[in-house]
Amino acid sequence: MDDSSDLYDTIDWLLKNVPNNNGNAGIWGISYPGFFTSASIIDSHPALKAASPQAPMTDLFMGDDAYHGGAFMLNANFGFYSSFKPQENPQLPAKTPVPFDYGTKDGYEFYLKAGPLSSLAKYLEGKSALWDDQVKHDTYDEYWKARNLAPHMKNIHCAVLTVGGWFDAEDLQGPFSTFHAIDKNNSGIFNALVVGPWVHGGWYRYDGDHLGRVEFSSNTGDYYRKNILFPFFEQYLKGNGDAKLPKAYVFETGTNVWKRYSAWPPKEAEARTLYFQANGGLGFDPPASDSPAFDEYVSDPAKPVPFVNYAAISVPQEYMLSDQRFADSRTDVLVYETPVLQEDVTIAGPVSPRLFVSTTGTDSDWDVKLIDVYPTDYPDSKFDEPKPEDKNKPRTDVPPPSVTMGGYQQLVRGEPFRGKFRHSFEKPEPFTPGKVDEINFTMQDVNHTFRRGHRIMVQIQSSWFPLTDRNPQTFVNIPDAQPADFVKATERVYHAKGQASGIVVGVLPSPGVAEEHK
């Protein structure tokens, strides 16, 4: 099967066999069909005029479904492969699908009791080949490189509109990888990027007015469908006017407006570092003291940091902006926070941690979370307000507590990084216990404004469970790790002059320089 030549042949057949066509063809798809769309436009047919890869899975190891920062996306992958199993013979779907029985409603409990990764295959009824492939290829080897579509995005002759969501828990990286690869290898075509405040495929099936208790102030899905996607296909398939689409049409969270840019990341974004400081401080000024300074915590694989503060079997779509207050009180999470902002701070583009660390183990994860802390007087969510018809009814019992939005810690972007890959994703290396090492990696892009009166926070931890698998904190082949390999480790993050940890972000000038659309 070859998507590119298959589509070429399909378009040839359609042009010859479907009457009353205008000679122009288009294609679009979401997720794996987004991958099919990307693959189909390589060496594209002359009649193919418009394509829209949406949430296109691009490189499964480098930030899409399987691995993030070298850490295995445990919960999502086991949840998928526990039902997506090979069949011995073609067969019809079951009339009544039987979901996998976790024996609990709490994924944290299930995966912790299950033990190391090597113990999970036994739950898959002897049909674990697909799962085994994902688990056992835990470095960036030829298995993954052969499946990375980005280097092959060449000889494209149609207009391309790549679409993604800021809160896509599955394929957030794919749209950026695809967009940049097309830009690099294909000059002279229209190639644009659209990113909205959406979950995986949310622009197609949802309003996009809110996610959890975080609101976006409008029906962003409808706006996109009417003002971006439809005009794009109308222009390139029917020649109906000019859609007037920019290079990058992105939604800015925090202010809840659409922004138009001539490049992505925006040319106006200035790279600046948010430095970790003593006593949990965070700011754009580097540490002034020459004396050694660090913060430390003990990471225990037997008690990993959860990724949500409620019981969930699957990966809740809400987790990518969920409240992090439950984590900042843990002793195995470091917290750095700015003073109250006196003016808006807008960051756009990738977020790149630059850490100086040490560990008493020989391997460790370094999970970094960028967080927007709401003011203490921030109004509570409309979703917790009583229904109008219930306001005058006498209370018959004690209601559950609502979520107080004052002080809400909204996750803006969070990513794991497996420390043994600090020099290479192909050839992992152990840490020398106690030795200070530098870790540089890049998290996915954001376009977010921290409003005046808010604070910027960064949390650092060494587990994020069961979103990712547990690092034993000993340098072993993790897919084969045994219970005895999992040990406590003392982790240090340094913030001294010469060892100044922080995160590099692209800061836009204020006031904004881009056109806004409510």
Protein backbone atom coordinates (compact mmCIF):
# COMPACT_ATOMS: atom_id res chain seq x y z
CA MET A 1 0.00 0.00 0.00
CA ASP A 2 1.34 3.41 -0.97
CA ASP A 3 -0.89 6.35 -0.11
CA SER A 4 0.74 8.73 -2.55
CA SER A 5 0.47 6.58 -5.66
CA ASP A 6 -2.91 5.20 -4.51
CA LEU A 7 -4.38 8.69 -4.38
CA TYR A 8 -2.76 9.55 -7.71
CA ASP A 9 -4.48 6.55 -9.31
CA THR A 10 -7.75 7.27 -7.51
CA ILE A 11 -7.86 10.86 -8.77
CA ASP A 12 -7.08 9.64 -12.29
CA TRP A 13 -10.00 7.23 -12.10
CA LEU A 14 -12.40 9.80 -10.64
CA LEU A 15 -11.60 12.38 -13.31
CA LYS A 16 -12.35 9.85 -16.03
CA ASN A 17 -15.42 8.23 -14.48
CA VAL A 18 -17.32 10.87 -12.46
CA PRO A 19 -19.26 13.19 -14.75
CA ASN A 20 -19.57 16.96 -14.36
CA ASN A 21 -16.37 17.40 -12.32
CA ASN A 22 -14.36 20.59 -12.65
CA GLY A 23 -11.02 18.82 -12.78
CA ASN A 24 -10.00 19.71 -9.23
CA ALA A 25 -9.63 17.31 -6.30
CA GLY A 26 -9.19 17.81 -2.55
CA ILE A 27 -8.50 15.61 0.45
CA TRP A 28 -8.63 15.90 4.24
CA GLY A 29 -8.54 13.64 7.29
CA ILE A 30 -8.10 13.64 11.06
CA SER A 31 -5.56 11.65 13.14
CA TYR A 32 -4.46 8.52 11.24
CA PRO A 33 -6.51 9.74 8.23
CA GLY A 34 -4.53 12.96 8.75
CA PHE A 35 -1.40 10.87 8.25
CA PHE A 36 -3.02 9.36 5.13
CA THR A 37 -3.71 12.88 3.86
CA SER A 38 -0.10 13.93 4.41
CA ALA A 39 1.22 10.81 2.69
CA SER A 40 -1.22 11.22 -0.21
CA ILE A 41 0.03 14.65 -1.23
CA ILE A 42 3.65 13.55 -1.72
CA ASP A 43 4.38 13.58 -5.50
CA SER A 44 0.89 14.96 -5.83
CA HIS A 45 -1.41 14.56 -8.83
CA PRO A 46 -1.74 17.73 -10.97
CA ALA A 47 -5.49 17.77 -10.30
CA LEU A 48 -5.01 17.74 -6.52
CA LYS A 49 -5.50 21.38 -5.59
CA ALA A 50 -6.19 21.41 -1.84
CA ALA A 51 -5.36 19.22 1.14
CA SER A 52 -5.89 19.54 4.88
CA PRO A 53 -3.98 17.13 7.15
CA GLN A 54 -5.67 17.49 10.53
CA ALA A 55 -4.00 16.22 13.72
CA PRO A 56 -1.71 14.23 11.41
CA MET A 57 0.22 11.58 13.28
CA THR A 58 3.75 12.22 12.00
CA ASP A 59 6.51 10.79 14.22
CA LEU A 60 5.22 8.40 16.89
CA PHE A 61 8.40 8.51 18.94
CA MET A 62 9.04 12.24 18.74
CA GLY A 63 6.02 13.67 20.49
CA ASP A 64 3.01 11.96 18.95
CA ASP A 65 1.11 8.95 20.31
CA ALA A 66 3.83 6.62 21.57
CA TYR A 67 6.68 8.54 23.26
CA HIS A 68 7.18 12.07 24.56
CA GLY A 69 10.71 13.10 25.48
CA GLY A 70 11.68 9.43 25.45
CA ALA A 71 9.03 8.55 28.06
CA PHE A 72 6.37 6.01 27.10
CA MET A 73 2.78 7.30 27.08
CA LEU A 74 1.56 4.40 29.19
CA ASN A 75 -2.10 5.07 29.87
CA ALA A 76 -3.10 6.07 26.34
CA ASN A 77 -1.25 3.22 24.64
CA PHE A 78 -2.37 0.40 26.90
CA GLY A 79 -5.92 1.75 26.74
CA PHE A 80 -5.74 1.60 22.95
CA TYR A 81 -3.99 -1.73 22.48
CA SER A 82 -6.13 -3.50 25.07
CA SER A 83 -8.96 -3.29 22.52
CA PHE A 84 -7.04 -2.85 19.24
CA LYS A 85 -5.77 -6.41 18.94
CA PRO A 86 -4.95 -8.50 15.85
CA GLN A 87 -7.63 -10.92 14.63
CA GLU A 88 -6.86 -14.43 13.46
CA ASN A 89 -9.47 -14.21 10.71
CA PRO A 90 -11.58 -11.34 9.32
CA GLN A 91 -14.71 -11.07 11.42
CA LEU A 92 -17.62 -8.77 12.04
CA PRO A 93 -17.52 -6.49 15.09
CA ALA A 94 -19.19 -7.85 18.19
CA LYS A 95 -22.81 -6.84 18.57
CA THR A 96 -22.06 -5.82 22.14
CA PRO A 97 -18.42 -4.69 22.54
CA VAL A 98 -16.85 -5.85 25.77
CA PRO A 99 -14.42 -3.26 27.18
CA PHE A 100 -11.24 -4.30 28.90
CA ASP A 101 -11.86 -5.07 32.57
CA TYR A 102 -9.39 -3.05 34.65
CA GLY A 103 -10.94 -4.29 37.88
CA THR A 104 -11.07 -0.70 39.12
CA LYS A 105 -12.20 2.76 38.06
CA ASP A 106 -8.81 4.22 38.94
CA GLY A 107 -6.04 3.92 36.37
CA TYR A 108 -3.44 5.00 38.93
CA GLU A 109 -4.35 1.99 41.07
CA PHE A 110 -4.44 -0.43 38.12
CA TYR A 111 -1.05 0.46 36.64
CA LEU A 112 0.70 0.71 40.00
CA LYS A 113 -0.53 -2.73 41.06
CA ALA A 114 0.30 -4.17 37.63
CA GLY A 115 3.97 -3.40 38.22
CA PRO A 116 6.67 -2.94 35.56
CA LEU A 117 5.88 -2.60 31.85
CA SER A 118 6.91 -6.21 31.30
CA SER A 119 3.93 -7.38 33.35
CA LEU A 120 1.23 -5.74 31.20
CA ALA A 121 1.39 -8.03 28.14
CA LYS A 122 -0.25 -10.80 30.17
CA TYR A 123 -3.51 -8.83 30.18
CA LEU A 124 -3.78 -8.87 26.38
CA GLU A 125 -4.97 -12.46 25.90
CA GLY A 126 -1.86 -13.54 24.04
CA LYS A 127 -2.43 -10.88 21.37
CA SER A 128 0.18 -8.36 22.41
CA ALA A 129 2.29 -8.05 19.24
CA LEU A 130 1.25 -4.46 18.53
CA TRP A 131 1.70 -3.48 22.19
CA ASP A 132 5.06 -5.23 22.33
CA ASP A 133 6.31 -3.23 19.34
CA GLN A 134 5.47 0.06 21.04
CA VAL A 135 7.05 -0.94 24.35
CA LYS A 136 10.19 -2.71 23.21
CA HIS A 137 11.33 -0.07 20.74
CA ASP A 138 12.11 2.40 23.53
CA THR A 139 14.87 4.29 21.69
CA TYR A 140 14.71 6.21 18.42
CA ASP A 141 15.69 3.24 16.29
CA GLU A 142 14.99 2.28 12.67
CA TYR A 143 11.53 1.05 13.63
CA TRP A 144 10.46 4.62 14.38
CA LYS A 145 12.61 6.40 11.79
CA ALA A 146 11.04 4.39 8.99
CA ARG A 147 7.59 5.51 10.16
CA ASN A 148 8.41 9.22 10.40
CA LEU A 149 6.64 10.93 7.52
CA ALA A 150 8.21 14.40 7.87
CA PRO A 151 11.41 13.82 5.80
CA HIS A 152 9.29 12.58 2.89
CA MET A 153 7.02 15.62 2.57
CA LYS A 154 8.37 16.61 -0.87
CA ASN A 155 7.16 17.35 -4.40
CA ILE A 156 3.86 18.74 -3.11
CA HIS A 157 2.02 20.93 -5.62
CA CYS A 158 -1.32 21.62 -3.92
CA ALA A 159 -2.37 24.18 -1.30
CA VAL A 160 -2.06 22.74 2.22
CA LEU A 161 -3.88 23.74 5.40
CA THR A 162 -2.59 21.79 8.41
CA VAL A 163 -4.85 21.84 11.48
CA GLY A 164 -4.19 21.04 15.14
CA GLY A 165 -5.42 21.70 18.65
CA TRP A 166 -3.54 23.25 21.58
CA PHE A 167 -4.99 20.56 23.86
CA ASP A 168 -4.66 17.52 21.62
CA ALA A 169 -3.48 14.78 23.98
CA GLU A 170 -2.66 12.43 21.09
CA ASP A 171 -1.13 14.29 18.15
CA LEU A 172 -0.27 17.82 19.20
CA GLN A 173 3.25 17.64 17.75
CA GLY A 174 2.22 16.18 14.39
CA PRO A 175 0.69 19.34 12.88
CA PHE A 176 3.80 21.40 13.67
CA SER A 177 6.16 18.73 12.32
CA THR A 178 4.10 18.42 9.15
CA PHE A 179 3.74 22.17 8.62
CA HIS A 180 7.46 22.84 9.02
CA ALA A 181 8.46 19.87 6.84
CA ILE A 182 6.23 21.07 4.00
CA ASP A 183 7.62 24.59 4.35
CA LYS A 184 11.20 23.33 4.23
CA ASN A 185 10.82 21.08 1.20
CA ASN A 186 8.23 22.79 -1.00
CA SER A 187 8.57 26.37 -2.17
CA GLY A 188 5.96 28.24 -4.14
CA ILE A 189 2.83 26.60 -2.68
CA PHE A 190 0.33 27.90 -0.16
CA ASN A 191 1.16 26.20 3.14
CA ALA A 192 -0.59 27.36 6.30
CA LEU A 193 -1.15 26.29 9.90
CA VAL A 194 -4.32 26.52 11.98
CA VAL A 195 -4.31 25.78 15.72
CA GLY A 196 -7.30 26.33 17.99
CA PRO A 197 -8.22 25.60 21.63
CA TRP A 198 -9.24 22.05 20.81
CA VAL A 199 -8.78 18.45 21.86
CA HIS A 200 -8.05 15.71 19.32
CA GLY A 201 -10.40 16.36 16.39
CA GLY A 202 -12.36 18.84 18.51
CA TRP A 203 -12.59 21.36 15.66
CA TYR A 204 -14.72 18.85 13.77
CA ARG A 205 -17.06 17.48 16.44
CA TYR A 206 -17.27 20.08 19.24
CA ASP A 207 -18.15 23.73 19.74
CA GLY A 208 -14.79 24.52 21.30
CA ASP A 209 -16.37 27.00 23.71
CA HIS A 210 -14.62 25.55 26.76
CA LEU A 211 -12.59 22.62 28.00
CA GLY A 212 -13.37 21.53 31.51
CA ARG A 213 -13.81 24.75 33.49
CA VAL A 214 -11.53 26.84 31.24
CA GLU A 215 -13.58 28.98 28.88
CA PHE A 216 -12.72 30.28 25.40
CA SER A 217 -15.60 32.78 25.11
CA SER A 218 -16.97 31.69 21.72
CA ASN A 219 -17.86 28.77 19.50
CA THR A 220 -14.36 28.38 18.09
CA GLY A 221 -15.22 25.21 16.17
CA ASP A 222 -17.98 26.94 14.24
CA TYR A 223 -15.74 29.96 13.57
CA TYR A 224 -13.04 27.72 12.15
CA ARG A 225 -15.40 25.70 9.96
CA LYS A 226 -17.13 28.78 8.50
CA ASN A 227 -14.26 31.25 8.28
CA ILE A 228 -11.17 29.12 7.71
CA LEU A 229 -11.76 25.58 6.43
CA PHE A 230 -14.72 26.18 4.09
CA PRO A 231 -13.20 29.29 2.42
CA PHE A 232 -9.93 27.38 1.94
CA PHE A 233 -11.56 24.59 -0.05
CA GLU A 234 -13.89 27.01 -1.85
CA GLN A 235 -10.90 29.01 -3.11
CA TYR A 236 -8.69 26.16 -4.22
CA LEU A 237 -11.32 23.72 -5.48
CA LYS A 238 -13.86 26.10 -7.02
CA GLY A 239 -11.91 29.31 -7.48
CA ASN A 240 -14.49 31.19 -5.42
CA GLY A 241 -12.71 34.28 -4.14
CA ASP A 242 -9.72 34.72 -1.88
CA ALA A 243 -9.95 33.11 1.56
CA LYS A 244 -7.35 35.67 2.77
CA LEU A 245 -5.75 33.10 5.05
CA PRO A 246 -2.45 33.98 6.76
CA LYS A 247 0.54 31.70 7.15
CA ALA A 248 -0.52 30.92 10.72
CA TYR A 249 -4.06 31.35 12.03
CA VAL A 250 -3.86 30.52 15.73
CA PHE A 251 -6.06 30.97 18.77
CA GLU A 252 -4.45 32.80 21.68
CA THR A 253 -5.53 31.28 24.99
CA GLY A 254 -5.70 33.57 27.99
CA THR A 255 -7.11 36.43 25.91
CA ASN A 256 -9.37 34.14 23.83
CA VAL A 257 -8.81 35.80 20.46
CA TRP A 258 -7.76 34.54 17.03
CA LYS A 259 -4.39 35.81 15.81
CA ARG A 260 -2.97 35.99 12.29
CA TYR A 261 0.79 35.70 11.74
CA SER A 262 3.01 35.77 8.67
CA ALA A 263 5.19 32.99 10.11
CA TRP A 264 5.13 30.41 12.87
CA PRO A 265 6.59 30.87 15.38
CA PRO A 266 5.92 34.60 15.00
CA LYS A 267 8.91 36.60 13.82
CA GLU A 268 8.19 39.15 16.55
CA ALA A 269 8.69 36.61 19.37
CA GLU A 270 11.86 37.32 21.38
CA ALA A 271 13.59 34.37 23.02
CA ARG A 272 13.78 35.03 26.76
CA THR A 273 14.53 32.77 29.71
CA LEU A 274 12.34 32.42 32.77
CA TYR A 275 14.95 31.59 35.41
CA PHE A 276 14.39 29.52 38.55
CA GLN A 277 15.40 31.51 41.59
CA ALA A 278 15.96 30.94 45.30
CA ASN A 279 12.95 30.45 47.57
CA GLY A 280 10.73 29.32 44.69
CA GLY A 281 11.06 32.50 42.66
CA LEU A 282 10.71 32.74 38.89
CA GLY A 283 11.61 35.66 36.65
CA PHE A 284 13.39 36.94 33.55
CA ASP A 285 16.43 38.07 35.56
CA PRO A 286 19.23 35.47 35.91
CA PRO A 287 20.47 34.46 39.36
CA ALA A 288 22.87 37.06 40.76
CA SER A 289 24.60 35.02 43.45
CA ASP A 290 27.81 33.10 42.82
CA SER A 291 27.13 30.70 45.68
CA PRO A 292 25.85 27.20 44.88
CA ALA A 293 22.10 26.99 45.01
CA PHE A 294 19.74 24.12 44.37
CA ASP A 295 16.41 22.65 45.38
CA GLU A 296 15.90 18.95 45.91
CA TYR A 297 13.23 16.35 46.41
CA VAL A 298 13.00 12.59 46.80
CA SER A 299 11.34 10.78 43.90
CA ASP A 300 9.82 7.44 44.87
CA PRO A 301 8.60 5.17 42.01
CA ALA A 302 6.33 3.44 44.53
CA LYS A 303 4.44 6.72 45.05
CA PRO A 304 4.57 8.52 41.68
CA VAL A 305 3.04 11.94 41.12
CA PRO A 306 -0.41 11.54 39.49
CA PHE A 307 -1.30 13.58 36.41
CA VAL A 308 -4.88 14.37 37.47
CA ASN A 309 -6.40 14.77 40.91
CA TYR A 310 -9.32 12.42 40.32
CA ALA A 311 -9.79 8.77 39.43
CA ALA A 312 -9.76 8.04 35.70
CA ILE A 313 -9.15 4.93 33.64
CA SER A 314 -8.47 6.62 30.31
CA VAL A 315 -6.57 9.84 29.62
CA PRO A 316 -9.09 12.64 30.27
CA GLN A 317 -9.02 15.20 27.46
CA GLU A 318 -9.24 17.87 30.13
CA TYR A 319 -5.87 16.95 31.65
CA MET A 320 -3.91 19.27 29.34
CA LEU A 321 -5.22 22.34 31.16
CA SER A 322 -6.36 20.82 34.42
CA ASP A 323 -5.83 22.40 37.84
CA GLN A 324 -2.37 21.64 39.27
CA ARG A 325 -2.99 22.76 42.86
CA PHE A 326 -3.00 19.14 43.99
CA ALA A 327 0.62 18.77 42.85
CA ASP A 328 2.23 21.93 44.22
CA SER A 329 1.77 20.77 47.81
CA ARG A 330 3.61 17.48 47.24
CA THR A 331 7.12 17.22 48.62
CA ASP A 332 8.32 15.57 45.39
CA VAL A 333 7.33 18.53 43.19
CA LEU A 334 9.38 21.73 42.93
CA VAL A 335 7.45 24.97 42.41
CA TYR A 336 8.76 28.26 40.96
CA GLU A 337 6.46 31.27 40.62
CA THR A 338 6.66 34.89 39.50
CA PRO A 339 5.24 37.79 41.49
CA VAL A 340 1.82 39.01 40.38
CA LEU A 341 2.19 40.23 36.79
CA GLN A 342 1.80 43.98 36.33
CA GLU A 343 1.19 43.62 32.59
CA ASP A 344 0.20 40.88 30.16
CA VAL A 345 2.93 38.46 29.07
CA THR A 346 2.26 36.65 25.79
CA ILE A 347 4.40 33.69 24.79
CA ALA A 348 4.26 32.05 21.37
CA GLY A 349 6.12 29.10 19.90
CA PRO A 350 7.98 26.22 21.53
CA VAL A 351 8.82 26.07 25.24
CA SER A 352 12.38 24.88 25.89
CA PRO A 353 13.55 23.86 29.37
CA ARG A 354 17.25 24.36 30.10
CA LEU A 355 17.99 22.49 33.33
CA PHE A 356 21.05 21.84 35.46
CA VAL A 357 20.29 18.73 37.49
CA SER A 358 21.80 15.87 39.45
CA THR A 359 20.42 12.64 40.82
CA THR A 360 21.51 9.95 43.26
CA GLY A 361 20.21 7.41 40.75
CA THR A 362 21.56 6.51 37.33
CA ASP A 363 18.46 7.61 35.41
CA SER A 364 15.56 9.97 36.09
CA ASP A 365 12.65 11.67 34.37
CA TRP A 366 12.33 15.45 34.46
CA ASP A 367 8.73 16.49 33.92
CA VAL A 368 8.25 20.21 33.34
CA LYS A 369 4.90 22.00 33.63
CA LEU A 370 4.25 25.62 32.61
CA ILE A 371 1.24 26.92 34.55
CA ASP A 372 -1.02 30.00 34.59
CA VAL A 373 -2.01 30.87 38.18
CA TYR A 374 -5.29 32.76 38.37
CA PRO A 375 -5.85 35.67 40.78
CA THR A 376 -7.38 34.81 44.14
CA ASP A 377 -10.51 36.82 43.28
CA TYR A 378 -11.08 35.13 39.93
CA PRO A 379 -14.82 34.41 39.51
CA ASP A 380 -16.02 30.84 39.82
CA SER A 381 -17.01 28.88 36.74
CA LYS A 382 -20.46 29.21 35.26
CA PHE A 383 -20.52 25.41 35.14
CA ASP A 384 -20.69 25.34 38.95
CA GLU A 385 -23.54 27.84 39.16
CA PRO A 386 -26.93 26.46 40.20
CA LYS A 387 -29.42 26.05 37.38
CA PRO A 388 -31.87 28.97 37.14
CA GLU A 389 -34.81 26.68 37.78
CA ASP A 390 -33.20 25.49 41.02
CA LYS A 391 -32.29 28.88 42.50
CA ASN A 392 -35.52 29.37 44.45
CA LYS A 393 -36.02 25.78 45.43
CA PRO A 394 -35.45 24.95 49.11
CA ARG A 395 -32.27 23.00 49.70
CA THR A 396 -33.04 19.40 50.52
CA ASP A 397 -29.52 18.20 51.19
CA VAL A 398 -25.87 19.22 51.28
CA PRO A 399 -24.47 19.72 47.74
CA PRO A 400 -20.97 18.68 46.66
CA PRO A 401 -18.37 21.43 46.80
CA SER A 402 -17.76 23.49 43.68
CA VAL A 403 -14.31 24.18 42.29
CA THR A 404 -12.95 27.53 43.41
CA MET A 405 -11.37 29.24 40.39
CA GLY A 406 -9.53 31.78 42.52
CA GLY A 407 -5.94 30.53 42.55
CA TYR A 408 -6.65 27.94 39.83
CA GLN A 409 -3.39 26.60 38.40
CA GLN A 410 -4.11 26.02 34.72
CA LEU A 411 -1.65 23.75 32.95
CA VAL A 412 -0.52 25.59 29.82
CA ARG A 413 2.03 23.04 28.61
CA GLY A 414 3.60 20.02 30.26
CA GLU A 415 6.03 17.44 28.92
CA PRO A 416 8.16 14.61 30.32
CA PHE A 417 11.81 14.08 29.49
CA ARG A 418 13.67 10.83 30.18
CA GLY A 419 17.11 11.89 31.38
CA LYS A 420 19.10 9.07 29.80
CA PHE A 421 18.30 10.62 26.41
CA ARG A 422 19.87 13.99 27.27
CA HIS A 423 22.60 13.49 24.65
CA SER A 424 20.86 11.24 22.15
CA PHE A 425 17.50 9.54 21.67
CA GLU A 426 19.33 6.72 19.89
CA LYS A 427 22.03 5.98 22.46
CA PRO A 428 20.89 6.46 26.07
CA GLU A 429 23.51 7.15 28.75
CA PRO A 430 23.39 6.71 32.53
CA PHE A 431 23.82 9.55 34.99
CA THR A 432 26.81 9.58 37.30
CA PRO A 433 25.25 9.83 40.77
CA GLY A 434 25.74 13.31 42.23
CA LYS A 435 27.25 14.80 39.06
CA VAL A 436 25.62 17.97 37.70
CA ASP A 437 24.35 17.46 34.14
CA GLU A 438 22.70 19.83 31.71
CA ILE A 439 19.38 18.83 30.14
CA ASN A 440 18.00 20.75 27.16
CA PHE A 441 14.80 19.75 25.42
CA THR A 442 11.87 21.31 23.63
CA MET A 443 8.21 21.03 24.55
CA GLN A 444 5.35 21.60 22.13
CA ASP A 445 4.32 25.09 21.06
CA VAL A 446 1.91 27.38 22.88
CA ASN A 447 0.19 30.68 22.16
CA HIS A 448 -0.89 31.94 25.55
CA THR A 449 -1.22 35.24 27.37
CA PHE A 450 -0.64 35.34 31.11
CA ARG A 451 -2.91 38.23 32.04
CA ARG A 452 -2.10 41.11 34.31
CA GLY A 453 -2.90 40.02 37.87
CA HIS A 454 -1.99 36.38 37.14
CA ARG A 455 1.28 34.62 37.95
CA ILE A 456 3.51 32.35 35.88
CA MET A 457 4.44 29.08 37.55
CA VAL A 458 6.74 26.19 36.66
CA GLN A 459 6.54 22.81 38.37
CA ILE A 460 9.31 20.19 38.15
CA GLN A 461 8.83 16.54 39.10
CA SER A 462 10.18 13.09 38.16
CA SER A 463 7.01 11.09 37.60
CA TRP A 464 3.66 11.78 35.91
CA PHE A 465 1.67 8.65 36.40
CA PRO A 466 0.11 6.80 34.69
CA LEU A 467 0.27 9.30 31.85
CA THR A 468 3.84 8.05 31.37
CA ASP A 469 5.47 4.86 32.54
CA ARG A 470 7.57 4.96 35.70
CA ASN A 471 11.31 5.46 35.43
CA PRO A 472 13.03 2.91 37.73
CA GLN A 473 15.69 5.57 38.39
CA THR A 474 18.33 2.97 37.67
CA PHE A 475 19.87 2.72 34.22
CA VAL A 476 18.21 -0.43 32.90
CA ASN A 477 16.26 -1.47 29.84
CA ILE A 478 12.90 -0.23 31.12
CA PRO A 479 10.70 -2.66 29.10
CA ASP A 480 12.52 -5.48 30.93
CA ALA A 481 12.83 -3.78 34.33
CA GLN A 482 12.09 -5.87 37.41
CA PRO A 483 10.53 -4.62 40.69
CA ALA A 484 13.95 -4.54 42.40
CA ASP A 485 15.18 -2.04 39.79
CA PHE A 486 12.77 0.66 41.03
CA VAL A 487 14.49 2.76 43.69
CA LYS A 488 14.10 6.11 45.40
CA ALA A 489 16.39 8.91 44.20
CA THR A 490 17.18 12.38 45.44
CA GLU A 491 16.82 14.85 42.57
CA ARG A 492 18.38 18.30 42.52
CA VAL A 493 17.66 21.28 40.29
CA TYR A 494 20.31 24.01 40.35
CA HIS A 495 19.68 27.74 40.04
CA ALA A 496 23.06 29.33 40.72
CA LYS A 497 25.04 31.68 38.51
CA GLY A 498 26.71 29.44 35.93
CA GLN A 499 24.14 26.72 36.61
CA ALA A 500 21.02 28.77 35.96
CA SER A 501 18.06 26.50 35.25
CA GLY A 502 15.04 27.92 33.49
CA ILE A 503 12.77 27.67 30.47
CA VAL A 504 13.24 29.56 27.21
CA VAL A 505 10.04 31.04 25.76
CA GLY A 506 9.20 33.32 22.85
CA VAL A 507 7.79 36.55 24.29
CA LEU A 508 5.72 38.77 22.02
CA PRO A 509 5.96 42.55 22.31
CA SER A 510 3.12 44.26 24.09
CA PRO A 511 0.65 45.47 22.94
CA GLY A 512 0.02 42.69 20.42
CA VAL A 513 1.11 43.31 16.85
CA ALA A 514 -1.27 40.88 15.18
CA GLU A 515 -4.82 41.34 13.95
CA GLU A 516 -7.40 40.08 16.40
CA HIS A 517 -10.74 38.39 15.75
CA LYS A 518 -13.29 37.85 18.47
